[in-house]
C-alpha atoms as a PDB file:
ATOM      1  CA  MET A   1      -0.024  -0.251   0.061  1.00  0.00           C
ATOM      2  CA  PRO A   2       1.521   3.144  -1.111  1.00  0.00           C
ATOM      3  CA  GLY A   3       0.236   5.621   1.580  1.00  0.00           C
ATOM      4  CA  GLN A   4       1.837   2.912   4.455  1.00  0.00           C
ATOM      5  CA  SER A   5       5.292   2.629   2.943  1.00  0.00           C
ATOM      6  CA  ASP A   6       5.685   6.661   2.326  1.00  0.00           C
ATOM      7  CA  ARG A   7       4.591   6.981   6.192  1.00  0.00           C
ATOM      8  CA  LEU A   8       6.836   4.083   7.017  1.00  0.00           C
ATOM      9  CA  PHE A   9       9.701   5.311   4.970  1.00  0.00           C
ATOM     10  CA  THR A  10       9.691   9.060   6.261  1.00  0.00           C
ATOM     11  CA  VAL A  11       9.351   7.714   9.797  1.00  0.00           C
ATOM     12  CA  LEU A  12      12.706   5.075   9.749  1.00  0.00           C
ATOM     13  CA  LEU A  13      14.316   8.310   7.862  1.00  0.00           C
ATOM     14  CA  GLY A  14      13.604  10.450  11.163  1.00  0.00           C
ATOM     15  CA  LEU A  15      14.769   7.873  13.189  1.00  0.00           C
ATOM     16  CA  LEU A  16      18.211   7.543  11.499  1.00  0.00           C
ATOM     17  CA  GLY A  17      18.714  11.132  11.680  1.00  0.00           C
ATOM     18  CA  LEU A  18      17.234  12.270   7.884  1.00  0.00           C
ATOM     19  CA  SER A  19      17.020  15.601   7.601  1.00  0.00           C
ATOM     20  CA  ALA A  20      15.547  15.858   3.416  1.00  0.00           C
ATOM     21  CA  ALA A  21      12.440  16.816   2.888  1.00  0.00           C
ATOM     22  CA  VAL A  22      11.566  13.030   1.373  1.00  0.00           C
ATOM     23  CA  ALA A  23       9.893  12.952  -2.542  1.00  0.00           C
ATOM     24  CA  LEU A  24       8.830   9.334  -3.046  1.00  0.00           C
ATOM     25  CA  ALA A  25       8.558   8.907  -6.837  1.00  0.00           C
ATOM     26  CA  ALA A  26       5.401   8.449  -8.623  1.00  0.00           C
ATOM     27  CA  PRO A  27       4.646   5.336  -9.877  1.00  0.00           C
ATOM     28  CA  GLU A  28       5.289   6.684 -13.788  1.00  0.00           C
ATOM     29  CA  PRO A  29       8.897   7.298 -14.570  1.00  0.00           C
ATOM     30  CA  ALA A  30       8.896  11.013 -13.899  1.00  0.00           C
ATOM     31  CA  GLN A  31      10.360  11.515 -10.345  1.00  0.00           C
ATOM     32  CA  ALA A  32       8.535  14.212  -8.179  1.00  0.00           C
ATOM     33  CA  CYS A  33      11.120  16.385  -6.380  1.00  0.00           C
ATOM     34  CA  ALA A  34       9.737  18.064  -3.218  1.00  0.00           C
ATOM     35  CA  PRO A  35      10.728  21.401  -1.552  1.00  0.00           C
ATOM     36  CA  ALA A  36      13.090  21.961   1.227  1.00  0.00           C
ATOM     37  CA  GLY A  37      11.549  20.951   4.690  1.00  0.00           C
ATOM     38  CA  SER A  38      12.343  18.795   7.432  1.00  0.00           C
ATOM     39  CA  ALA A  39      11.580  14.850   7.634  1.00  0.00           C
ATOM     40  CA  HIS A  40      12.916  14.655  11.379  1.00  0.00           C
ATOM     41  CA  ALA A  41      10.590  12.401  13.121  1.00  0.00           C
ATOM     42  CA  TRP A  42      12.664  13.369  16.247  1.00  0.00           C
ATOM     43  CA  ALA A  43      15.232  14.904  17.868  1.00  0.00           C
ATOM     44  CA  ALA A  44      17.248  15.579  21.080  1.00  0.00           C
ATOM     45  CA  PRO A  45      15.244  16.815  24.448  1.00  0.00           C
ATOM     46  CA  GLU A  46      17.929  19.660  24.232  1.00  0.00           C
ATOM     47  CA  PRO A  47      20.564  20.406  21.676  1.00  0.00           C
ATOM     48  CA  PRO A  48      24.062  19.747  22.680  1.00  0.00           C
ATOM     49  CA  ALA A  49      26.000  22.430  23.505  1.00  0.00           C
ATOM     50  CA  PRO A  50      27.889  24.179  20.855  1.00  0.00           C
ATOM     51  CA  ASP A  51      32.037  23.233  20.940  1.00  0.00           C
ATOM     52  CA  THR A  52      34.696  26.378  20.787  1.00  0.00           C
ATOM     53  CA  GLY A  53      35.143  25.475  17.381  1.00  0.00           C
ATOM     54  CA  CYS A  54      37.235  24.107  14.927  1.00  0.00           C
ATOM     55  CA  ALA A  55      40.701  21.968  16.154  1.00  0.00           C
ATOM     56  CA  THR A  56      42.790  21.300  12.471  1.00  0.00           C
ATOM     57  CA  ALA A  57      45.946  19.441  14.575  1.00  0.00           C
ATOM     58  CA  PRO A  58      46.125  15.998  12.320  1.00  0.00           C
ATOM     59  CA  LEU A  59      46.032  12.302  12.847  1.00  0.00           C
ATOM     60  CA  PRO A  60      49.305  10.712  13.364  1.00  0.00           C
ATOM     61  CA  PRO A  61      50.254   8.314  10.153  1.00  0.00           C
ATOM     62  CA  SER A  62      49.303   5.064  10.269  1.00  0.00           C
ATOM     63  CA  GLY A  63      52.027   3.776   8.779  1.00  0.00           C
ATOM     64  CA  GLY A  64      50.582   2.819   5.592  1.00  0.00           C
ATOM     65  CA  GLY A  65      52.227   3.571   2.253  1.00  0.00           C
ATOM     66  CA  GLY A  66      51.552   6.511   0.696  1.00  0.00           C
ATOM     67  CA  VAL A  67      49.081   8.042   3.399  1.00  0.00           C
ATOM     68  CA  ARG A  68      50.354  11.211   5.214  1.00  0.00           C
ATOM     69  CA  ARG A  69      47.682  14.166   5.515  1.00  0.00           C
ATOM     70  CA  GLY A  70      45.290  14.148   8.471  1.00  0.00           C
ATOM     71  CA  TRP A  71      41.835  15.299   8.885  1.00  0.00           C
ATOM     72  CA  PRO A  72      40.946  18.127  10.422  1.00  0.00           C
ATOM     73  CA  TRP A  73      38.573  17.678  13.278  1.00  0.00           C
ATOM     74  CA  LEU A  74      35.101  20.067  13.317  1.00  0.00           C
ATOM     75  CA  ALA A  75      32.735  21.346  15.949  1.00  0.00           C
ATOM     76  CA  ALA A  76      29.540  19.463  15.811  1.00  0.00           C
ATOM     77  CA  ASP A  77      26.557  21.817  14.531  1.00  0.00           C
ATOM     78  CA  PRO A  78      24.637  23.038  17.582  1.00  0.00           C
ATOM     79  CA  THR A  79      21.498  21.879  16.371  1.00  0.00           C
ATOM     80  CA  GLN A  80      22.528  18.724  15.828  1.00  0.00           C
ATOM     81  CA  PRO A  81      20.096  16.069  16.551  1.00  0.00           C
ATOM     82  CA  LEU A  82      20.811  12.913  18.671  1.00  0.00           C
ATOM     83  CA  VAL A  83      22.022  10.186  15.638  1.00  0.00           C
ATOM     84  CA  ALA A  84      21.381   6.569  16.072  1.00  0.00           C
ATOM     85  CA  GLY A  85      24.534   5.112  15.616  1.00  0.00           C
ATOM     86  CA  SER A  86      25.900   3.708  12.790  1.00  0.00           C
ATOM     87  CA  ARG A  87      23.711   0.421  12.721  1.00  0.00           C
ATOM     88  CA  TRP A  88      22.723   1.810   8.704  1.00  0.00           C
ATOM     89  CA  LYS A  89      24.525   0.562   5.553  1.00  0.00           C
ATOM     90  CA  LEU A  90      24.322   1.987   2.465  1.00  0.00           C
ATOM     91  CA  THR A  91      25.282   0.347  -0.835  1.00  0.00           C
ATOM     92  CA  GLY A  92      24.955   1.368  -4.234  1.00  0.00           C
ATOM     93  CA  SER A  93      26.481   0.375  -7.793  1.00  0.00           C
ATOM     94  CA  ALA A  94      27.569   4.290  -8.282  1.00  0.00           C
ATOM     95  CA  VAL A  95      27.634   7.293  -6.283  1.00  0.00           C
ATOM     96  CA  THR A  96      28.195  10.480  -7.954  1.00  0.00           C
ATOM     97  CA  MET A  97      28.874  13.285  -6.239  1.00  0.00           C
ATOM     98  CA  THR A  98      28.800  17.045  -7.124  1.00  0.00           C
ATOM     99  CA  GLY A  99      30.764  19.687  -5.277  1.00  0.00           C
ATOM    100  CA  LEU A 100      32.436  16.889  -2.937  1.00  0.00           C
ATOM    101  CA  ARG A 101      34.189  18.707  -0.155  1.00  0.00           C
ATOM    102  CA  LEU A 102      35.465  16.312   2.472  1.00  0.00           C
ATOM    103  CA  ASP A 103      35.439  18.327   5.569  1.00  0.00           C
ATOM    104  CA  GLY A 104      36.764  16.342   8.566  1.00  0.00           C
ATOM    105  CA  ILE A 105      35.928  14.413  11.571  1.00  0.00           C
ATOM    106  CA  VAL A 106      32.972  15.493  14.024  1.00  0.00           C
ATOM    107  CA  ASP A 107      32.098  13.446  17.292  1.00  0.00           C
ATOM    108  CA  LEU A 108      28.292  13.140  16.900  1.00  0.00           C
ATOM    109  CA  PRO A 109      25.956  12.842  19.967  1.00  0.00           C
ATOM    110  CA  THR A 110      24.026   9.338  20.279  1.00  0.00           C
ATOM    111  CA  ALA A 111      21.805   8.435  23.654  1.00  0.00           C
ATOM    112  CA  GLU A 112      24.931   6.559  24.788  1.00  0.00           C
ATOM    113  CA  GLY A 113      27.835   9.303  24.221  1.00  0.00           C
ATOM    114  CA  SER A 114      29.126  10.277  20.846  1.00  0.00           C
ATOM    115  CA  LEU A 115      30.160   9.074  17.845  1.00  0.00           C
ATOM    116  CA  ARG A 116      33.078   9.607  15.996  1.00  0.00           C
ATOM    117  CA  ALA A 117      32.050  10.244  11.934  1.00  0.00           C
ATOM    118  CA  LEU A 118      33.533  11.541   8.825  1.00  0.00           C
ATOM    119  CA  LYS A 119      31.641  14.413   7.256  1.00  0.00           C
ATOM    120  CA  PHE A 120      31.234  15.205   3.166  1.00  0.00           C
ATOM    121  CA  THR A 121      29.558  18.274   1.804  1.00  0.00           C
ATOM    122  CA  MET A 122      28.149  18.412  -1.814  1.00  0.00           C
ATOM    123  CA  ASP A 123      26.105  20.035  -3.644  1.00  0.00           C
ATOM    124  CA  GLN A 124      24.231  16.786  -4.497  1.00  0.00           C
ATOM    125  CA  ALA A 125      24.824  12.987  -4.396  1.00  0.00           C
ATOM    126  CA  VAL A 126      23.218  10.038  -6.725  1.00  0.00           C
ATOM    127  CA  VAL A 127      23.048   6.666  -5.836  1.00  0.00           C
ATOM    128  CA  ASP A 128      22.446   4.002  -8.282  1.00  0.00           C
ATOM    129  CA  ASP A 129      21.098   0.707  -6.941  1.00  0.00           C
ATOM    130  CA  PHE A 130      20.349   2.213  -3.724  1.00  0.00           C
ATOM    131  CA  LEU A 131      20.119  -0.021  -1.096  1.00  0.00           C
ATOM    132  CA  LEU A 132      19.526   0.982   2.862  1.00  0.00           C
ATOM    133  CA  ARG A 133      19.710  -1.456   5.680  1.00  0.00           C
ATOM    134  CA  SER A 134      20.113  -2.034   9.470  1.00  0.00           C
ATOM    135  CA  THR A 135      19.338  -4.537  12.648  1.00  0.00           C
ATOM    136  CA  GLY A 136      15.985  -4.289  13.479  1.00  0.00           C
ATOM    137  CA  PRO A 137      13.921  -5.454  16.405  1.00  0.00           C
ATOM    138  CA  ALA A 138      14.727  -9.300  17.200  1.00  0.00           C
ATOM    139  CA  ASP A 139      17.436  -9.159  14.397  1.00  0.00           C
ATOM    140  CA  ARG A 140      15.052  -7.912  11.952  1.00  0.00           C
ATOM    141  CA  THR A 141      16.291  -6.565   8.856  1.00  0.00           C
ATOM    142  CA  PRO A 142      14.304  -3.537   7.386  1.00  0.00           C
ATOM    143  CA  LEU A 143      15.373  -2.720   3.441  1.00  0.00           C
ATOM    144  CA  PHE A 144      14.775   0.093   1.220  1.00  0.00           C
ATOM    145  CA  ALA A 145      15.550  -0.195  -2.165  1.00  0.00           C
ATOM    146  CA  ALA A 146      15.484   2.105  -5.104  1.00  0.00           C
ATOM    147  CA  ASP A 147      16.736   2.062  -8.569  1.00  0.00           C
ATOM    148  CA  ARG A 148      18.189   5.599  -7.513  1.00  0.00           C
ATOM    149  CA  MET A 149      18.391   7.586  -4.698  1.00  0.00           C
ATOM    150  CA  THR A 150      19.336  11.661  -5.422  1.00  0.00           C
ATOM    151  CA  LEU A 151      19.960  14.220  -2.290  1.00  0.00           C
ATOM    152  CA  GLN A 152      20.076  17.769  -3.246  1.00  0.00           C
ATOM    153  CA  GLY A 153      21.222  21.291  -2.006  1.00  0.00           C
ATOM    154  CA  ASN A 154      23.246  21.409   1.234  1.00  0.00           C
ATOM    155  CA  VAL A 155      24.115  17.787   1.113  1.00  0.00           C
ATOM    156  CA  ALA A 156      25.909  16.585   4.206  1.00  0.00           C
ATOM    157  CA  LEU A 157      26.631  13.000   5.206  1.00  0.00           C
ATOM    158  CA  TYR A 158      28.533  11.637   8.333  1.00  0.00           C
ATOM    159  CA  THR A 159      29.718   8.013   7.824  1.00  0.00           C
ATOM    160  CA  THR A 160      32.169   5.806  10.059  1.00  0.00           C
ATOM    161  CA  ARG A 161      33.688   4.141   7.037  1.00  0.00           C
ATOM    162  CA  PHE A 162      33.287   4.878   3.460  1.00  0.00           C
ATOM    163  CA  ALA A 163      34.494   2.404   0.871  1.00  0.00           C
ATOM    164  CA  GLY A 164      34.274   2.452  -2.684  1.00  0.00           C
ATOM    165  CA  ARG A 165      36.371   2.830  -6.190  1.00  0.00           C
ATOM    166  CA  MET A 166      38.041   5.412  -7.907  1.00  0.00           C
ATOM    167  CA  VAL A 167      39.118   5.113 -11.304  1.00  0.00           C
ATOM    168  CA  GLY A 168      39.751   1.446 -10.769  1.00  0.00           C
ATOM    169  CA  ILE A 169      41.485   1.968  -7.223  1.00  0.00           C
ATOM    170  CA  ASP A 170      39.758   0.805  -3.840  1.00  0.00           C
ATOM    171  CA  ILE A 171      39.364   4.111  -1.559  1.00  0.00           C
ATOM    172  CA  ILE A 172      38.579   3.161   1.920  1.00  0.00           C
ATOM    173  CA  LEU A 173      38.029   6.227   4.403  1.00  0.00           C
ATOM    174  CA  THR A 174      37.737   6.112   8.090  1.00  0.00           C
ATOM    175  CA  PRO A 175      38.655   8.480  10.667  1.00  0.00           C
ATOM    176  CA  ASN A 176      41.213   6.935  11.963  1.00  0.00           C
ATOM    177  CA  LEU A 177      42.657   6.082   8.763  1.00  0.00           C
ATOM    178  CA  PRO A 178      44.465   9.775   7.185  1.00  0.00           C
ATOM    179  CA  LEU A 179      43.261  11.177   4.182  1.00  0.00           C
ATOM    180  CA  PRO A 180      45.255   8.949   0.939  1.00  0.00           C
ATOM    181  CA  ASP A 181      47.716  10.828  -1.036  1.00  0.00           C
ATOM    182  CA  GLY A 182      45.747  11.476  -4.078  1.00  0.00           C
ATOM    183  CA  ILE A 183      42.095  12.017  -2.523  1.00  0.00           C
ATOM    184  CA  PRO A 184      41.224  15.983  -3.174  1.00  0.00           C
ATOM    185  CA  ALA A 185      39.979  17.454  -0.507  1.00  0.00           C
ATOM    186  CA  THR A 186      37.434  19.612  -2.656  1.00  0.00           C
ATOM    187  CA  GLN A 187      36.886  18.455  -6.117  1.00  0.00           C
ATOM    188  CA  PRO A 188      33.923  20.927  -7.749  1.00  0.00           C
ATOM    189  CA  SER A 189      33.495  18.589 -10.736  1.00  0.00           C
ATOM    190  CA  PRO A 190      31.162  15.373 -10.357  1.00  0.00           C
ATOM    191  CA  ILE A 191      33.389  12.405  -8.902  1.00  0.00           C
ATOM    192  CA  THR A 192      31.727   9.101  -9.368  1.00  0.00           C
ATOM    193  CA  PHE A 193      32.873   6.232  -6.733  1.00  0.00           C
ATOM    194  CA  THR A 194      31.581   2.314  -7.687  1.00  0.00           C
ATOM    195  CA  ASP A 195      31.044  -0.683  -5.592  1.00  0.00           C
ATOM    196  CA  THR A 196      30.085   1.690  -2.912  1.00  0.00           C
ATOM    197  CA  THR A 197      29.804   0.977   1.018  1.00  0.00           C
ATOM    198  CA  VAL A 198      28.608   3.486   3.654  1.00  0.00           C
ATOM    199  CA  ASP A 199      28.314   2.963   7.736  1.00  0.00           C
ATOM    200  CA  LEU A 200      25.950   5.903   7.222  1.00  0.00           C
ATOM    201  CA  ALA A 201      25.520   8.011  10.723  1.00  0.00           C
ATOM    202  CA  PHE A 202      23.685  10.921   9.443  1.00  0.00           C
ATOM    203  CA  VAL A 203      22.199  12.372   6.253  1.00  0.00           C
ATOM    204  CA  GLY A 204      20.924  15.855   5.548  1.00  0.00           C
ATOM    205  CA  SER A 205      19.894  17.555   2.590  1.00  0.00           C
ATOM    206  CA  ASP A 206      17.069  19.730   1.313  1.00  0.00           C
ATOM    207  CA  ALA A 207      15.473  17.633  -0.919  1.00  0.00           C
ATOM    208  CA  LEU A 208      15.540  13.117  -1.192  1.00  0.00           C
ATOM    209  CA  THR A 209      13.933  12.008  -4.486  1.00  0.00           C
ATOM    210  CA  ALA A 210      13.917   7.527  -4.539  1.00  0.00           C
ATOM    211  CA  GLY A 211      12.937   6.428  -8.120  1.00  0.00           C
ATOM    212  CA  PRO A 212      10.857   5.471 -10.169  1.00  0.00           C
ATOM    213  CA  THR A 213       9.968   3.207  -7.351  1.00  0.00           C
ATOM    214  CA  LEU A 214      10.583   2.745  -3.702  1.00  0.00           C
ATOM    215  CA  ARG A 215      10.362  -1.243  -2.293  1.00  0.00           C
ATOM    216  CA  VAL A 216      10.319  -1.318   1.692  1.00  0.00           C
ATOM    217  CA  ALA A 217      10.833  -4.460   2.987  1.00  0.00           C
ATOM    218  CA  ILE A 218      11.840  -6.485   6.370  1.00  0.00           C
ATOM    219  CA  ASP A 219      13.905  -9.270   6.446  1.00  0.00           C
END
């Protein structure tokens, strides 16, 4: 039932912490895009106290060949809601990011403390063969799948692990590993990662579109 699936998807996105306005595609091939807004189903009772600012001390080298640059440390946004942790895993055959900026490391607030994550920002992210899954109650796994998921406008993605391939090279990014040489901190032109796996902590955007269909299941 499309209405119930739409509501379920919106609620579960809110539990994950998605701040995008959800726009589920119509049954026909044309996609519908929602205006900017908020799909938070809940937020922290009080916003976390703002940090003093941004520290730029790099992480020490891990000893791997060709890795030298450390990530900058960033203060969490004072309005950042609690996040659900890193239980959600996002995969896609290809992820194309436009206006990508690798911002640095942020400690996100959770109900149990803080979660260290990398923050990426971009103008747009397009995920082909989108699949989002998590471990739910009684070891049941909710699944959300779409041929394509598009996030547009002020996209902020927080991840504890980002893995994919870029021009045939395996790339793994985590808060504990320095930024590999050859990976630009900013990339204004579109950049595509293939065979992508993202341990997702939080993601926000002005608009989010799934299409041409969205499939919801519980394993």
